Amino acid sequence: MAFDYKKEYKEFYMPKGIPSIVNVPKMNFIAVRGSGDPNDEDGEYKQAIGLLYGIAFTIKMSKRGEHQIDRYFDYVVHHEIYLSDARKVAPEKLKTVIRHPINVKG
């Protein structure tokens, strides 16, 4: 069965109605850098996000090919995380990551 982050880490995805401090465990991420308006068709940020999705899709589909990524496991859906609020941050400072689960060998 696929790993479901929303079920395993409910405290991160279904927060209580009051502000609180949570401890987020160490996790692996893939990231790219881009700047500019995410709505600009030819903009660097939009191209960077396209690259990020391409990399994420390649990682997810690798299980079907000859090259198996060590420690990769299936999960319900990738999780896109916006590290910046577009309403409060200059376009060149926007940050977005897509998390992929990787098991630690043990």
PDB file of N, CA and C in Angstrom:
ATOM      1  N   MET A   1       0.829  -1.181   0.000  1.00  0.00           N
ATOM      2  CA  MET A   1       0.000   0.000   0.000  1.00  0.00           C
ATOM      3  C   MET A   1       0.876   1.248   0.000  1.00  0.00           C
ATOM      4  N   ALA A   2       0.456   2.263  -0.704  1.00  0.00           N
ATOM      5  CA  ALA A   2       1.230   3.492  -0.828  1.00  0.00           C
ATOM      6  C   ALA A   2       1.230   4.280   0.484  1.00  0.00           C
ATOM      7  N   PHE A   3       2.344   4.930   0.754  1.00  0.00           N
ATOM      8  CA  PHE A   3       2.494   5.773   1.939  1.00  0.00           C
ATOM      9  C   PHE A   3       1.671   7.043   1.751  1.00  0.00           C
ATOM     10  N   ASP A   4       0.923   7.433   2.766  1.00  0.00           N
ATOM     11  CA  ASP A   4       0.082   8.628   2.675  1.00  0.00           C
ATOM     12  C   ASP A   4       0.526   9.636   3.734  1.00  0.00           C
ATOM     13  N   TYR A   5       1.197  10.693   3.289  1.00  0.00           N
ATOM     14  CA  TYR A   5       1.681  11.718   4.212  1.00  0.00           C
ATOM     15  C   TYR A   5       0.559  12.347   5.017  1.00  0.00           C
ATOM     16  N   LYS A   6      -0.580  12.571   4.385  1.00  0.00           N
ATOM     17  CA  LYS A   6      -1.688  13.240   5.078  1.00  0.00           C
ATOM     18  C   LYS A   6      -2.246  12.392   6.217  1.00  0.00           C
ATOM     19  N   LYS A   7      -2.149  11.076   6.093  1.00  0.00           N
ATOM     20  CA  LYS A   7      -2.606  10.201   7.177  1.00  0.00           C
ATOM     21  C   LYS A   7      -1.529  10.032   8.234  1.00  0.00           C
ATOM     22  N   GLU A   8      -0.285   9.917   7.802  1.00  0.00           N
ATOM     23  CA  GLU A   8       0.819   9.688   8.734  1.00  0.00           C
ATOM     24  C   GLU A   8       1.202  10.938   9.522  1.00  0.00           C
ATOM     25  N   TYR A   9       1.047  12.102   8.912  1.00  0.00           N
ATOM     26  CA  TYR A   9       1.429  13.367   9.545  1.00  0.00           C
ATOM     27  C   TYR A   9       0.234  14.310   9.610  1.00  0.00           C
ATOM     28  N   LYS A  10      -0.834  13.850  10.241  1.00  0.00           N
ATOM     29  CA  LYS A  10      -2.064  14.648  10.325  1.00  0.00           C
ATOM     30  C   LYS A  10      -1.818  16.016  10.951  1.00  0.00           C
ATOM     31  N   GLU A  11      -0.911  16.083  11.903  1.00  0.00           N
ATOM     32  CA  GLU A  11      -0.652  17.351  12.596  1.00  0.00           C
ATOM     33  C   GLU A  11      -0.114  18.432  11.655  1.00  0.00           C
ATOM     34  N   PHE A  12       0.460  18.025  10.515  1.00  0.00           N
ATOM     35  CA  PHE A  12       0.976  18.998   9.551  1.00  0.00           C
ATOM     36  C   PHE A  12      -0.069  19.382   8.511  1.00  0.00           C
ATOM     37  N   TYR A  13      -0.967  18.470   8.196  1.00  0.00           N
ATOM     38  CA  TYR A  13      -1.920  18.683   7.108  1.00  0.00           C
ATOM     39  C   TYR A  13      -3.317  19.046   7.581  1.00  0.00           C
ATOM     40  N   MET A  14      -3.630  18.753   8.836  1.00  0.00           N
ATOM     41  CA  MET A  14      -4.928  19.121   9.407  1.00  0.00           C
ATOM     42  C   MET A  14      -4.673  19.807  10.742  1.00  0.00           C
ATOM     43  N   PRO A  15      -4.139  21.024  10.683  1.00  0.00           N
ATOM     44  CA  PRO A  15      -3.776  21.703  11.928  1.00  0.00           C
ATOM     45  C   PRO A  15      -5.010  22.060  12.758  1.00  0.00           C
ATOM     46  N   LYS A  16      -4.770  22.238  14.044  1.00  0.00           N
ATOM     47  CA  LYS A  16      -5.845  22.660  14.940  1.00  0.00           C
ATOM     48  C   LYS A  16      -6.202  24.108  14.620  1.00  0.00           C
ATOM     49  N   GLY A  17      -7.280  24.574  15.172  1.00  0.00           N
ATOM     50  CA  GLY A  17      -7.747  25.932  14.897  1.00  0.00           C
ATOM     51  C   GLY A  17      -6.980  27.026  15.610  1.00  0.00           C
ATOM     52  N   ILE A  18      -5.956  26.641  16.373  1.00  0.00           N
ATOM     53  CA  ILE A  18      -5.166  27.645  17.090  1.00  0.00           C
ATOM     54  C   ILE A  18      -3.701  27.530  16.669  1.00  0.00           C
ATOM     55  N   PRO A  19      -2.978  28.638  16.700  1.00  0.00           N
ATOM     56  CA  PRO A  19      -1.548  28.576  16.349  1.00  0.00           C
ATOM     57  C   PRO A  19      -0.798  27.672  17.324  1.00  0.00           C
ATOM     58  N   SER A  20       0.148  26.923  16.798  1.00  0.00           N
ATOM     59  CA  SER A  20       0.954  26.053  17.643  1.00  0.00           C
ATOM     60  C   SER A  20       2.303  25.811  16.985  1.00  0.00           C
ATOM     61  N   ILE A  21       3.230  25.354  17.776  1.00  0.00           N
ATOM     62  CA  ILE A  21       4.564  25.013  17.274  1.00  0.00           C
ATOM     63  C   ILE A  21       4.601  23.505  17.061  1.00  0.00           C
ATOM     64  N   VAL A  22       5.052  23.089  15.888  1.00  0.00           N
ATOM     65  CA  VAL A  22       5.182  21.663  15.595  1.00  0.00           C
ATOM     66  C   VAL A  22       6.626  21.359  15.228  1.00  0.00           C
ATOM     67  N   ASN A  23       7.069  20.166  15.545  1.00  0.00           N
ATOM     68  CA  ASN A  23       8.402  19.717  15.160  1.00  0.00           C
ATOM     69  C   ASN A  23       8.271  18.848  13.924  1.00  0.00           C
ATOM     70  N   VAL A  24       8.854  19.309  12.832  1.00  0.00           N
ATOM     71  CA  VAL A  24       8.796  18.582  11.568  1.00  0.00           C
ATOM     72  C   VAL A  24      10.053  17.721  11.457  1.00  0.00           C
ATOM     73  N   PRO A  25       9.905  16.416  11.221  1.00  0.00           N
ATOM     74  CA  PRO A  25      11.086  15.553  11.111  1.00  0.00           C
ATOM     75  C   PRO A  25      11.907  15.876   9.866  1.00  0.00           C
ATOM     76  N   LYS A  26      13.155  15.450   9.881  1.00  0.00           N
ATOM     77  CA  LYS A  26      14.005  15.644   8.705  1.00  0.00           C
ATOM     78  C   LYS A  26      13.398  14.911   7.524  1.00  0.00           C
ATOM     79  N   MET A  27      13.407  15.563   6.359  1.00  0.00           N
ATOM     80  CA  MET A  27      12.866  14.973   5.138  1.00  0.00           C
ATOM     81  C   MET A  27      13.743  15.389   3.967  1.00  0.00           C
ATOM     82  N   ASN A  28      13.693  14.611   2.897  1.00  0.00           N
ATOM     83  CA  ASN A  28      14.428  14.940   1.683  1.00  0.00           C
ATOM     84  C   ASN A  28      13.536  15.708   0.721  1.00  0.00           C
ATOM     85  N   PHE A  29      14.131  16.648   0.004  1.00  0.00           N
ATOM     86  CA  PHE A  29      13.398  17.462  -0.954  1.00  0.00           C
ATOM     87  C   PHE A  29      14.196  17.587  -2.239  1.00  0.00           C
ATOM     88  N   ILE A  30      13.500  17.840  -3.344  1.00  0.00           N
ATOM     89  CA  ILE A  30      14.168  18.287  -4.562  1.00  0.00           C
ATOM     90  C   ILE A  30      13.733  19.730  -4.754  1.00  0.00           C
ATOM     91  N   ALA A  31      14.606  20.543  -5.278  1.00  0.00           N
ATOM     92  CA  ALA A  31      14.278  21.955  -5.449  1.00  0.00           C
ATOM     93  C   ALA A  31      15.029  22.513  -6.651  1.00  0.00           C
ATOM     94  N   VAL A  32      14.470  23.527  -7.244  1.00  0.00           N
ATOM     95  CA  VAL A  32      15.138  24.283  -8.302  1.00  0.00           C
ATOM     96  C   VAL A  32      15.001  25.756  -7.961  1.00  0.00           C
ATOM     97  N   ARG A  33      15.857  26.570  -8.550  1.00  0.00           N
ATOM     98  CA  ARG A  33      15.766  28.013  -8.321  1.00  0.00           C
ATOM     99  C   ARG A  33      15.226  28.697  -9.567  1.00  0.00           C
ATOM    100  N   GLY A  34      14.359  29.648  -9.341  1.00  0.00           N
ATOM    101  CA  GLY A  34      13.815  30.456 -10.420  1.00  0.00           C
ATOM    102  C   GLY A  34      13.285  31.734  -9.810  1.00  0.00           C
ATOM    103  N   SER A  35      13.198  32.764 -10.587  1.00  0.00           N
ATOM    104  CA  SER A  35      12.683  34.020 -10.058  1.00  0.00           C
ATOM    105  C   SER A  35      11.729  34.638 -11.059  1.00  0.00           C
ATOM    106  N   GLY A  36      10.917  35.546 -10.570  1.00  0.00           N
ATOM    107  CA  GLY A  36      10.002  36.259 -11.448  1.00  0.00           C
ATOM    108  C   GLY A  36       8.550  35.908 -11.199  1.00  0.00           C
ATOM    109  N   ASP A  37       7.709  36.438 -12.051  1.00  0.00           N
ATOM    110  CA  ASP A  37       6.268  36.273 -11.948  1.00  0.00           C
ATOM    111  C   ASP A  37       5.879  34.863 -12.386  1.00  0.00           C
ATOM    112  N   PRO A  38       5.226  34.068 -11.517  1.00  0.00           N
ATOM    113  CA  PRO A  38       4.846  32.706 -11.902  1.00  0.00           C
ATOM    114  C   PRO A  38       3.807  32.666 -13.019  1.00  0.00           C
ATOM    115  N   ASN A  39       3.175  33.787 -13.305  1.00  0.00           N
ATOM    116  CA  ASN A  39       2.168  33.842 -14.370  1.00  0.00           C
ATOM    117  C   ASN A  39       2.751  34.243 -15.722  1.00  0.00           C
ATOM    118  N   ASP A  40       4.018  34.616 -15.757  1.00  0.00           N
ATOM    119  CA  ASP A  40       4.685  34.996 -17.009  1.00  0.00           C
ATOM    120  C   ASP A  40       5.020  33.720 -17.782  1.00  0.00           C
ATOM    121  N   GLU A  41       4.393  33.529 -18.934  1.00  0.00           N
ATOM    122  CA  GLU A  41       4.551  32.294 -19.724  1.00  0.00           C
ATOM    123  C   GLU A  41       6.006  31.911 -19.981  1.00  0.00           C
ATOM    124  N   ASP A  42       6.853  32.880 -20.256  1.00  0.00           N
ATOM    125  CA  ASP A  42       8.257  32.598 -20.562  1.00  0.00           C
ATOM    126  C   ASP A  42       9.170  32.929 -19.389  1.00  0.00           C
ATOM    127  N   GLY A  43       8.584  33.122 -18.210  1.00  0.00           N
ATOM    128  CA  GLY A  43       9.361  33.537 -17.048  1.00  0.00           C
ATOM    129  C   GLY A  43      10.225  32.434 -16.468  1.00  0.00           C
ATOM    130  N   GLU A  44      11.290  32.846 -15.811  1.00  0.00           N
ATOM    131  CA  GLU A  44      12.237  31.908 -15.208  1.00  0.00           C
ATOM    132  C   GLU A  44      11.570  31.063 -14.123  1.00  0.00           C
ATOM    133  N   TYR A  45      10.707  31.679 -13.314  1.00  0.00           N
ATOM    134  CA  TYR A  45      10.055  30.933 -12.236  1.00  0.00           C
ATOM    135  C   TYR A  45       9.152  29.840 -12.804  1.00  0.00           C
ATOM    136  N   LYS A  46       8.371  30.181 -13.809  1.00  0.00           N
ATOM    137  CA  LYS A  46       7.467  29.192 -14.412  1.00  0.00           C
ATOM    138  C   LYS A  46       8.271  28.051 -15.043  1.00  0.00           C
ATOM    139  N   GLN A  47       9.393  28.372 -15.676  1.00  0.00           N
ATOM    140  CA  GLN A  47      10.246  27.337 -16.260  1.00  0.00           C
ATOM    141  C   GLN A  47      10.850  26.455 -15.166  1.00  0.00           C
ATOM    142  N   ALA A  48      11.233  27.081 -14.044  1.00  0.00           N
ATOM    143  CA  ALA A  48      11.810  26.317 -12.935  1.00  0.00           C
ATOM    144  C   ALA A  48      10.784  25.345 -12.355  1.00  0.00           C
ATOM    145  N   ILE A  49       9.534  25.789 -12.209  1.00  0.00           N
ATOM    146  CA  ILE A  49       8.481  24.911 -11.689  1.00  0.00           C
ATOM    147  C   ILE A  49       8.222  23.766 -12.672  1.00  0.00           C
ATOM    148  N   GLY A  50       8.239  24.073 -13.973  1.00  0.00           N
ATOM    149  CA  GLY A  50       8.085  23.022 -14.984  1.00  0.00           C
ATOM    150  C   GLY A  50       9.191  21.986 -14.872  1.00  0.00           C
ATOM    151  N   LEU A  51      10.408  22.440 -14.639  1.00  0.00           N
ATOM    152  CA  LEU A  51      11.545  21.537 -14.448  1.00  0.00           C
ATOM    153  C   LEU A  51      11.348  20.687 -13.191  1.00  0.00           C
ATOM    154  N   LEU A  52      10.887  21.321 -12.126  1.00  0.00           N
ATOM    155  CA  LEU A  52      10.654  20.606 -10.875  1.00  0.00           C
ATOM    156  C   LEU A  52       9.626  19.491 -11.061  1.00  0.00           C
ATOM    157  N   TYR A  53       8.535  19.787 -11.763  1.00  0.00           N
ATOM    158  CA  TYR A  53       7.527  18.758 -12.030  1.00  0.00           C
ATOM    159  C   TYR A  53       8.096  17.648 -12.914  1.00  0.00           C
ATOM    160  N   GLY A  54       8.912  18.006 -13.896  1.00  0.00           N
ATOM    161  CA  GLY A  54       9.531  16.996 -14.756  1.00  0.00           C
ATOM    162  C   GLY A  54      10.417  16.050 -13.975  1.00  0.00           C
ATOM    163  N   ILE A  55      11.203  16.609 -13.066  1.00  0.00           N
ATOM    164  CA  ILE A  55      12.078  15.787 -12.226  1.00  0.00           C
ATOM    165  C   ILE A  55      11.234  14.897 -11.309  1.00  0.00           C
ATOM    166  N   ALA A  56      10.208  15.478 -10.698  1.00  0.00           N
ATOM    167  CA  ALA A  56       9.342  14.716  -9.789  1.00  0.00           C
ATOM    168  C   ALA A  56       8.668  13.553 -10.525  1.00  0.00           C
ATOM    169  N   PHE A  57       8.183  13.803 -11.723  1.00  0.00           N
ATOM    170  CA  PHE A  57       7.518  12.752 -12.503  1.00  0.00           C
ATOM    171  C   PHE A  57       8.504  11.648 -12.872  1.00  0.00           C
ATOM    172  N   THR A  58       9.711  12.038 -13.262  1.00  0.00           N
ATOM    173  CA  THR A  58      10.743  11.058 -13.611  1.00  0.00           C
ATOM    174  C   THR A  58      11.067  10.172 -12.412  1.00  0.00           C
ATOM    175  N   ILE A  59      11.195  10.773 -11.238  1.00  0.00           N
ATOM    176  CA  ILE A  59      11.465   9.995 -10.025  1.00  0.00           C
ATOM    177  C   ILE A  59      10.320   9.022  -9.760  1.00  0.00           C
ATOM    178  N   LYS A  60       9.095   9.505  -9.820  1.00  0.00           N
ATOM    179  CA  LYS A  60       7.931   8.657  -9.529  1.00  0.00           C
ATOM    180  C   LYS A  60       7.814   7.496 -10.514  1.00  0.00           C
ATOM    181  N   MET A  61       8.076   7.742 -11.787  1.00  0.00           N
ATOM    182  CA  MET A  61       7.915   6.706 -12.806  1.00  0.00           C
ATOM    183  C   MET A  61       9.126   5.791 -12.932  1.00  0.00           C
ATOM    184  N   SER A  62      10.228   6.117 -12.253  1.00  0.00           N
ATOM    185  CA  SER A  62      11.441   5.300 -12.356  1.00  0.00           C
ATOM    186  C   SER A  62      11.197   3.859 -11.912  1.00  0.00           C
ATOM    187  N   LYS A  63      10.233   3.664 -11.031  1.00  0.00           N
ATOM    188  CA  LYS A  63       9.939   2.304 -10.545  1.00  0.00           C
ATOM    189  C   LYS A  63       9.500   1.375 -11.667  1.00  0.00           C
ATOM    190  N   ARG A  64       9.042   1.943 -12.773  1.00  0.00           N
ATOM    191  CA  ARG A  64       8.569   1.141 -13.909  1.00  0.00           C
ATOM    192  C   ARG A  64       9.665   0.856 -14.933  1.00  0.00           C
ATOM    193  N   GLY A  65      10.807   1.470 -14.764  1.00  0.00           N
ATOM    194  CA  GLY A  65      11.881   1.305 -15.732  1.00  0.00           C
ATOM    195  C   GLY A  65      12.981   0.390 -15.232  1.00  0.00           C
ATOM    196  N   GLU A  66      14.082   0.372 -15.967  1.00  0.00           N
ATOM    197  CA  GLU A  66      15.218  -0.482 -15.613  1.00  0.00           C
ATOM    198  C   GLU A  66      16.003   0.076 -14.434  1.00  0.00           C
ATOM    199  N   HIS A  67      16.094   1.398 -14.351  1.00  0.00           N
ATOM    200  CA  HIS A  67      16.863   2.023 -13.267  1.00  0.00           C
ATOM    201  C   HIS A  67      15.953   2.239 -12.061  1.00  0.00           C
ATOM    202  N   GLN A  68      16.210   1.510 -10.990  1.00  0.00           N
ATOM    203  CA  GLN A  68      15.431   1.651  -9.761  1.00  0.00           C
ATOM    204  C   GLN A  68      16.184   2.576  -8.810  1.00  0.00           C
ATOM    205  N   ILE A  69      15.506   3.579  -8.319  1.00  0.00           N
ATOM    206  CA  ILE A  69      16.131   4.519  -7.391  1.00  0.00           C
ATOM    207  C   ILE A  69      16.182   3.872  -6.010  1.00  0.00           C
ATOM    208  N   ASP A  70      17.380   3.790  -5.468  1.00  0.00           N
ATOM    209  CA  ASP A  70      17.607   3.191  -4.165  1.00  0.00           C
ATOM    210  C   ASP A  70      16.801   3.936  -3.099  1.00  0.00           C
ATOM    211  N   ARG A  71      16.098   3.219  -2.263  1.00  0.00           N
ATOM    212  CA  ARG A  71      15.322   3.712  -1.126  1.00  0.00           C
ATOM    213  C   ARG A  71      14.029   4.426  -1.512  1.00  0.00           C
ATOM    214  N   TYR A  72      13.689   4.457  -2.779  1.00  0.00           N
ATOM    215  CA  TYR A  72      12.432   5.093  -3.187  1.00  0.00           C
ATOM    216  C   TYR A  72      11.270   4.168  -2.857  1.00  0.00           C
ATOM    217  N   PHE A  73      10.155   4.728  -2.422  1.00  0.00           N
ATOM    218  CA  PHE A  73       8.951   3.933  -2.190  1.00  0.00           C
ATOM    219  C   PHE A  73       7.738   4.693  -2.698  1.00  0.00           C
ATOM    220  N   ASP A  74       6.679   3.963  -2.964  1.00  0.00           N
ATOM    221  CA  ASP A  74       5.476   4.566  -3.525  1.00  0.00           C
ATOM    222  C   ASP A  74       4.711   5.336  -2.455  1.00  0.00           C
ATOM    223  N   TYR A  75       4.011   6.347  -2.886  1.00  0.00           N
ATOM    224  CA  TYR A  75       3.262   7.199  -1.977  1.00  0.00           C
ATOM    225  C   TYR A  75       2.007   7.662  -2.695  1.00  0.00           C
ATOM    226  N   VAL A  76       1.058   8.193  -1.955  1.00  0.00           N
ATOM    227  CA  VAL A  76      -0.237   8.551  -2.524  1.00  0.00           C
ATOM    228  C   VAL A  76      -0.113   9.642  -3.574  1.00  0.00           C
ATOM    229  N   VAL A  77       0.495  10.746  -3.257  1.00  0.00           N
ATOM    230  CA  VAL A  77       0.648  11.849  -4.208  1.00  0.00           C
ATOM    231  C   VAL A  77       1.822  12.705  -3.747  1.00  0.00           C
ATOM    232  N   HIS A  78       2.531  13.304  -4.697  1.00  0.00           N
ATOM    233  CA  HIS A  78       3.616  14.196  -4.287  1.00  0.00           C
ATOM    234  C   HIS A  78       3.004  15.366  -3.544  1.00  0.00           C
ATOM    235  N   HIS A  79       3.782  16.001  -2.749  1.00  0.00           N
ATOM    236  CA  HIS A  79       3.269  17.132  -1.983  1.00  0.00           C
ATOM    237  C   HIS A  79       4.035  18.381  -2.384  1.00  0.00           C
ATOM    238  N   GLU A  80       3.328  19.297  -2.987  1.00  0.00           N
ATOM    239  CA  GLU A  80       3.918  20.572  -3.382  1.00  0.00           C
ATOM    240  C   GLU A  80       3.802  21.523  -2.197  1.00  0.00           C
ATOM    241  N   ILE A  81       4.898  22.167  -1.868  1.00  0.00           N
ATOM    242  CA  ILE A  81       4.927  23.062  -0.717  1.00  0.00           C
ATOM    243  C   ILE A  81       5.362  24.443  -1.182  1.00  0.00           C
ATOM    244  N   TYR A  82       4.546  25.427  -0.908  1.00  0.00           N
ATOM    245  CA  TYR A  82       4.901  26.816  -1.204  1.00  0.00           C
ATOM    246  C   TYR A  82       5.529  27.384   0.057  1.00  0.00           C
ATOM    247  N   LEU A  83       6.805  27.689  -0.018  1.00  0.00           N
ATOM    248  CA  LEU A  83       7.512  28.209   1.143  1.00  0.00           C
ATOM    249  C   LEU A  83       7.298  29.703   1.313  1.00  0.00           C
ATOM    250  N   SER A  84       6.739  30.346   0.303  1.00  0.00           N
ATOM    251  CA  SER A  84       6.521  31.786   0.335  1.00  0.00           C
ATOM    252  C   SER A  84       5.061  32.092   0.047  1.00  0.00           C
ATOM    253  N   ASP A  85       4.594  33.199   0.555  1.00  0.00           N
ATOM    254  CA  ASP A  85       3.242  33.678   0.279  1.00  0.00           C
ATOM    255  C   ASP A  85       3.340  34.715  -0.832  1.00  0.00           C
ATOM    256  N   ALA A  86       2.796  34.396  -1.998  1.00  0.00           N
ATOM    257  CA  ALA A  86       2.897  35.285  -3.165  1.00  0.00           C
ATOM    258  C   ALA A  86       2.278  36.649  -2.908  1.00  0.00           C
ATOM    259  N   ARG A  87       1.404  36.758  -1.929  1.00  0.00           N
ATOM    260  CA  ARG A  87       0.790  38.047  -1.601  1.00  0.00           C
ATOM    261  C   ARG A  87       1.724  38.928  -0.788  1.00  0.00           C
ATOM    262  N   LYS A  88       2.754  38.322  -0.178  1.00  0.00           N
ATOM    263  CA  LYS A  88       3.615  39.072   0.734  1.00  0.00           C
ATOM    264  C   LYS A  88       5.080  39.118   0.315  1.00  0.00           C
ATOM    265  N   VAL A  89       5.443  38.312  -0.674  1.00  0.00           N
ATOM    266  CA  VAL A  89       6.849  38.172  -1.053  1.00  0.00           C
ATOM    267  C   VAL A  89       7.048  38.632  -2.494  1.00  0.00           C
ATOM    268  N   ALA A  90       8.148  39.308  -2.736  1.00  0.00           N
ATOM    269  CA  ALA A  90       8.469  39.744  -4.097  1.00  0.00           C
ATOM    270  C   ALA A  90       8.595  38.516  -4.997  1.00  0.00           C
ATOM    271  N   PRO A  91       8.166  38.622  -6.263  1.00  0.00           N
ATOM    272  CA  PRO A  91       8.203  37.460  -7.166  1.00  0.00           C
ATOM    273  C   PRO A  91       9.557  36.764  -7.230  1.00  0.00           C
ATOM    274  N   GLU A  92      10.644  37.526  -7.173  1.00  0.00           N
ATOM    275  CA  GLU A  92      11.965  36.902  -7.274  1.00  0.00           C
ATOM    276  C   GLU A  92      12.355  36.133  -6.016  1.00  0.00           C
ATOM    277  N   LYS A  93      11.572  36.250  -4.956  1.00  0.00           N
ATOM    278  CA  LYS A  93      11.858  35.559  -3.700  1.00  0.00           C
ATOM    279  C   LYS A  93      10.948  34.350  -3.452  1.00  0.00           C
ATOM    280  N   LEU A  94      10.010  34.051  -4.366  1.00  0.00           N
ATOM    281  CA  LEU A  94       9.097  32.924  -4.184  1.00  0.00           C
ATOM    282  C   LEU A  94       9.860  31.602  -4.155  1.00  0.00           C
ATOM    283  N   LYS A  95       9.438  30.687  -3.285  1.00  0.00           N
ATOM    284  CA  LYS A  95      10.079  29.376  -3.185  1.00  0.00           C
ATOM    285  C   LYS A  95       9.013  28.293  -3.143  1.00  0.00           C
ATOM    286  N   THR A  96       9.229  27.229  -3.926  1.00  0.00           N
ATOM    287  CA  THR A  96       8.324  26.085  -3.975  1.00  0.00           C
ATOM    288  C   THR A  96       9.165  24.814  -4.029  1.00  0.00           C
ATOM    289  N   VAL A  97       8.763  23.783  -3.298  1.00  0.00           N
ATOM    290  CA  VAL A  97       9.449  22.490  -3.360  1.00  0.00           C
ATOM    291  C   VAL A  97       8.412  21.387  -3.541  1.00  0.00           C
ATOM    292  N   ILE A  98       8.848  20.250  -4.041  1.00  0.00           N
ATOM    293  CA  ILE A  98       8.007  19.064  -4.125  1.00  0.00           C
ATOM    294  C   ILE A  98       8.716  17.968  -3.341  1.00  0.00           C
ATOM    295  N   ARG A  99       8.032  17.418  -2.356  1.00  0.00           N
ATOM    296  CA  ARG A  99       8.648  16.402  -1.504  1.00  0.00           C
ATOM    297  C   ARG A  99       8.395  15.018  -2.086  1.00  0.00           C
ATOM    298  N   HIS A 100       9.447  14.199  -2.103  1.00  0.00           N
ATOM    299  CA  HIS A 100       9.343  12.790  -2.489  1.00  0.00           C
ATOM    300  C   HIS A 100       9.858  11.947  -1.345  1.00  0.00           C
ATOM    301  N   PRO A 101       9.165  10.887  -1.000  1.00  0.00           N
ATOM    302  CA  PRO A 101       9.608  10.038   0.099  1.00  0.00           C
ATOM    303  C   PRO A 101      10.796   9.161  -0.300  1.00  0.00           C
ATOM    304  N   ILE A 102      11.766   9.075   0.584  1.00  0.00           N
ATOM    305  CA  ILE A 102      12.927   8.205   0.401  1.00  0.00           C
ATOM    306  C   ILE A 102      13.146   7.482   1.728  1.00  0.00           C
ATOM    307  N   ASN A 103      13.206   6.174   1.705  1.00  0.00           N
ATOM    308  CA  ASN A 103      13.484   5.404   2.918  1.00  0.00           C
ATOM    309  C   ASN A 103      14.962   5.460   3.245  1.00  0.00           C
ATOM    310  N   VAL A 104      15.278   5.509   4.515  1.00  0.00           N
ATOM    311  CA  VAL A 104      16.663   5.438   4.955  1.00  0.00           C
ATOM    312  C   VAL A 104      17.007   3.967   5.100  1.00  0.00           C
ATOM    313  N   LYS A 105      18.153   3.569   4.500  1.00  0.00           N
ATOM    314  CA  LYS A 105      18.585   2.173   4.644  1.00  0.00           C
ATOM    315  C   LYS A 105      18.984   1.932   6.088  1.00  0.00           C
ATOM    316  N   GLY A 106      18.590   0.818   6.591  1.00  0.00           N
ATOM    317  CA  GLY A 106      18.929   0.595   7.984  1.00  0.00           C
ATOM    318  C   GLY A 106      19.123  -0.778   8.327  1.00  0.00           C
TER     319      GLY A 106
END
